[in-house]
Amino acid sequence: MSYPVDVSVDYDDGQRSKGLAVLGILFPLKALLAIPHFVILYFVGIGVFFATWFGYVGIAINGSLSPGFARFLHNYLGWSLRITAWLASWRDEYPAFAMEQPDYKARVVITEPDLVRKKGLAVAGIIFFVKAILLVPHFVVLYFVGIAAGIAGWIAFWVVAFTGVYPDGIYRFTVGAMRWSTRTNAWLYSLTDEYPPFRLES
């Protein structure tokens, strides 16, 4: 059965910009171009913390996540994915400064049928670190997966710089690492109550 939170990044024909890949090899140079996004996402991230916590309170009282909070948290994950997709050269289109960008070919897809949530998990979330503790196994594994994805992504920059094509295998692995991380955050944010699986694929 598929997990209700997924990450979709269009591979198309794999053709990517050689120039952007060279900037990726010298990663701080490419990251400099993303600084405006980092600054905005930092402040949006503060809002995410409060939206998540107040979302827990609402669930504990009403048994459901506020649609406004759910949309805000979903959009934050989407924006984070888009800037990561650009930094990693999964996509060459520079992302817009917007909470929503439906035409961008990197998307966080949530198929949860409703916003009803378990009150017990919400109570654990109100004491924020309790719910986070339940994700420690994911954090540990993702630490090593993230290191491997970073190395693989850097190798991919070199391949793109010489061939103009992003290697399919590295693409699937690195996007998979982002998918795993996004699902972990989505569970923490109560965008789903289904505990995230230990896997890279959809």
Protein backbone atom coordinates (compact mmCIF):
# COMPACT_ATOMS: atom_id res chain seq x y z
CA MET A 1 0.00 0.00 0.00
CA SER A 2 1.38 3.41 -0.94
CA TYR A 3 2.17 5.96 1.74
CA PRO A 4 -0.15 9.02 1.76
CA VAL A 5 2.77 11.47 1.43
CA ASP A 6 4.98 11.33 -1.64
CA VAL A 7 7.61 13.39 -3.43
CA SER A 8 7.41 13.64 -7.21
CA VAL A 9 10.23 15.21 -9.26
CA ASP A 10 9.98 14.93 -13.04
CA TYR A 11 13.09 13.40 -14.61
CA ASP A 12 11.96 14.10 -18.18
CA ASP A 13 14.87 13.12 -20.45
CA GLY A 14 17.49 13.76 -17.77
CA GLN A 15 19.00 16.71 -19.66
CA ARG A 16 20.31 19.32 -17.21
CA SER A 17 22.31 22.55 -17.40
CA LYS A 18 26.07 22.01 -17.47
CA GLY A 19 26.66 25.52 -16.12
CA LEU A 20 24.44 24.98 -13.08
CA ALA A 21 26.15 21.63 -12.50
CA VAL A 22 29.54 23.39 -12.41
CA LEU A 23 28.12 25.74 -9.79
CA GLY A 24 26.94 22.64 -7.93
CA ILE A 25 30.46 21.19 -7.93
CA LEU A 26 31.52 24.40 -6.19
CA PHE A 27 28.41 24.09 -4.04
CA PRO A 28 28.77 27.31 -2.00
CA LEU A 29 28.51 29.28 -5.26
CA LYS A 30 25.18 27.69 -6.15
CA ALA A 31 23.95 28.00 -2.57
CA LEU A 32 24.66 31.74 -2.70
CA LEU A 33 21.99 32.08 -5.38
CA ALA A 34 19.50 30.41 -3.04
CA ILE A 35 20.18 32.68 -0.04
CA PRO A 36 16.97 34.71 -0.55
CA HIS A 37 15.00 31.46 -0.29
CA PHE A 38 16.92 30.38 2.81
CA VAL A 39 16.18 33.69 4.53
CA ILE A 40 12.46 33.54 3.77
CA LEU A 41 12.19 29.86 4.65
CA TYR A 42 13.92 30.54 7.98
CA PHE A 43 11.12 32.88 9.01
CA VAL A 44 8.44 30.66 7.47
CA GLY A 45 9.98 27.81 9.46
CA ILE A 46 9.29 29.71 12.69
CA GLY A 47 5.66 29.84 11.62
CA VAL A 48 5.80 26.12 10.88
CA PHE A 49 6.85 25.42 14.47
CA PHE A 50 3.87 27.30 15.87
CA ALA A 51 1.45 25.94 13.26
CA THR A 52 2.55 22.41 14.12
CA TRP A 53 2.20 22.94 17.88
CA PHE A 54 -1.17 24.69 17.66
CA GLY A 55 -2.21 21.99 15.22
CA TYR A 56 -1.52 19.43 17.95
CA VAL A 57 -3.67 21.42 20.37
CA GLY A 58 -6.52 21.59 17.86
CA ILE A 59 -6.32 17.85 17.20
CA ALA A 60 -6.27 17.09 20.94
CA ILE A 61 -9.45 19.16 21.36
CA ASN A 62 -11.35 18.59 18.11
CA GLY A 63 -9.80 15.42 16.70
CA SER A 64 -8.83 17.04 13.40
CA LEU A 65 -6.08 19.23 11.93
CA SER A 66 -7.12 22.74 10.86
CA PRO A 67 -7.33 22.98 7.03
CA GLY A 68 -5.42 26.28 7.18
CA PHE A 69 -2.57 24.74 9.15
CA ALA A 70 -2.54 21.68 6.87
CA ARG A 71 -2.30 23.86 3.75
CA PHE A 72 0.44 26.04 5.28
CA LEU A 73 2.54 23.04 6.36
CA HIS A 74 2.03 21.27 3.03
CA ASN A 75 3.10 24.39 1.14
CA TYR A 76 6.20 24.77 3.33
CA LEU A 77 7.25 21.22 2.49
CA GLY A 78 6.63 21.96 -1.19
CA TRP A 79 8.74 25.12 -1.15
CA SER A 80 11.56 23.28 0.65
CA LEU A 81 11.41 20.53 -1.97
CA ARG A 82 11.55 23.00 -4.87
CA ILE A 83 14.65 24.78 -3.60
CA THR A 84 16.29 21.40 -2.87
CA ALA A 85 15.39 20.20 -6.38
CA TRP A 86 17.08 23.25 -7.87
CA LEU A 87 20.15 23.01 -5.62
CA ALA A 88 20.56 19.32 -6.44
CA SER A 89 20.04 19.93 -10.20
CA TRP A 90 17.04 17.62 -10.26
CA ARG A 91 15.42 20.62 -11.95
CA ASP A 92 17.05 23.62 -13.66
CA GLU A 93 14.12 26.05 -13.26
CA TYR A 94 14.80 28.49 -10.43
CA PRO A 95 11.81 28.25 -8.05
CA ALA A 96 9.47 31.15 -7.47
CA PHE A 97 9.21 32.96 -4.14
CA ALA A 98 5.77 31.53 -3.43
CA MET A 99 4.12 29.15 -1.00
CA GLU A 100 2.43 27.49 -3.97
CA GLN A 101 3.90 26.85 -7.42
CA PRO A 102 1.68 24.17 -9.00
CA ASP A 103 3.44 24.28 -12.38
CA TYR A 104 6.87 23.43 -10.91
CA LYS A 105 7.95 19.89 -11.70
CA ALA A 106 8.84 18.99 -8.10
CA ARG A 107 5.85 18.42 -5.86
CA VAL A 108 4.90 17.09 -2.44
CA VAL A 109 1.75 15.04 -2.97
CA ILE A 110 -0.52 14.28 0.00
CA THR A 111 -3.40 11.88 -0.59
CA GLU A 112 -4.76 11.71 2.98
CA PRO A 113 -8.57 11.57 2.51
CA ASP A 114 -9.41 13.81 5.48
CA LEU A 115 -7.87 15.77 8.36
CA VAL A 116 -9.09 13.54 11.21
CA ARG A 117 -6.14 12.70 13.45
CA LYS A 118 -5.43 10.60 16.54
CA LYS A 119 -5.72 12.60 19.73
CA GLY A 120 -3.09 10.49 21.49
CA LEU A 121 -0.41 11.40 18.96
CA ALA A 122 -1.43 15.04 19.23
CA VAL A 123 -1.04 14.99 23.02
CA ALA A 124 2.44 13.49 22.53
CA GLY A 125 3.10 16.31 20.07
CA ILE A 126 2.03 19.05 22.49
CA ILE A 127 5.04 17.98 24.53
CA PHE A 128 6.89 18.44 21.24
CA PHE A 129 9.98 16.34 21.89
CA VAL A 130 7.90 13.26 22.75
CA LYS A 131 6.66 12.86 19.18
CA ALA A 132 10.12 13.73 17.84
CA ILE A 133 11.61 10.96 20.01
CA LEU A 134 9.46 8.45 18.13
CA LEU A 135 11.26 9.54 14.96
CA VAL A 136 14.78 9.02 16.34
CA PRO A 137 15.27 5.77 14.35
CA HIS A 138 14.49 7.73 11.16
CA PHE A 139 16.79 10.60 12.14
CA VAL A 140 19.66 8.15 12.70
CA VAL A 141 19.21 6.34 9.40
CA LEU A 142 18.56 9.58 7.50
CA TYR A 143 21.82 11.02 8.82
CA PHE A 144 23.77 8.33 6.97
CA VAL A 145 21.42 8.31 3.97
CA GLY A 146 21.90 12.08 3.75
CA ILE A 147 25.68 11.75 3.71
CA ALA A 148 25.46 9.13 0.95
CA ALA A 149 22.99 11.28 -1.00
CA GLY A 150 25.26 14.31 -0.69
CA ILE A 151 28.24 12.39 -2.06
CA ALA A 152 26.13 10.84 -4.84
CA GLY A 153 24.69 14.24 -5.74
CA TRP A 154 28.15 15.77 -5.98
CA ILE A 155 29.23 12.96 -8.32
CA ALA A 156 26.10 13.65 -10.39
CA PHE A 157 27.18 17.29 -10.79
CA TRP A 158 30.40 16.09 -12.41
CA VAL A 159 28.51 13.73 -14.74
CA VAL A 160 26.12 16.52 -15.78
CA ALA A 161 29.02 18.95 -16.25
CA PHE A 162 30.59 16.61 -18.80
CA THR A 163 27.57 14.91 -20.39
CA GLY A 164 24.61 17.21 -19.72
CA VAL A 165 22.59 14.25 -18.41
CA TYR A 166 21.73 13.55 -14.77
CA PRO A 167 22.41 9.84 -14.01
CA ASP A 168 19.09 8.04 -13.52
CA GLY A 169 20.32 5.83 -10.66
CA ILE A 170 21.69 8.74 -8.64
CA TYR A 171 18.55 10.71 -9.41
CA ARG A 172 16.31 8.00 -8.01
CA PHE A 173 18.47 7.56 -4.90
CA THR A 174 18.79 11.26 -4.06
CA VAL A 175 15.12 12.02 -4.72
CA GLY A 176 14.32 8.96 -2.61
CA ALA A 177 16.34 10.38 0.27
CA MET A 178 14.31 13.60 0.02
CA ARG A 179 11.09 11.58 -0.11
CA TRP A 180 12.03 9.79 3.12
CA SER A 181 12.94 13.05 4.85
CA THR A 182 9.73 14.76 3.68
CA ARG A 183 7.57 11.90 4.94
CA THR A 184 9.27 12.06 8.32
CA ASN A 185 8.55 15.78 8.58
CA ALA A 186 4.97 15.32 7.35
CA TRP A 187 4.31 12.84 10.17
CA LEU A 188 5.83 15.24 12.70
CA TYR A 189 3.58 18.01 11.35
CA SER A 190 0.48 15.73 11.64
CA LEU A 191 -0.14 15.84 7.89
CA THR A 192 -0.67 12.10 8.32
CA ASP A 193 -0.94 9.75 11.29
CA GLU A 194 0.61 6.84 9.37
CA TYR A 195 4.14 6.33 10.71
CA PRO A 196 6.61 6.78 7.83
CA PRO A 197 8.20 3.69 6.30
CA PHE A 198 11.94 3.04 6.23
CA ARG A 199 12.27 3.24 2.47
CA LEU A 200 13.31 5.51 -0.39
CA GLU A 201 10.76 4.59 -3.02
CA SER A 202 7.11 5.59 -3.36
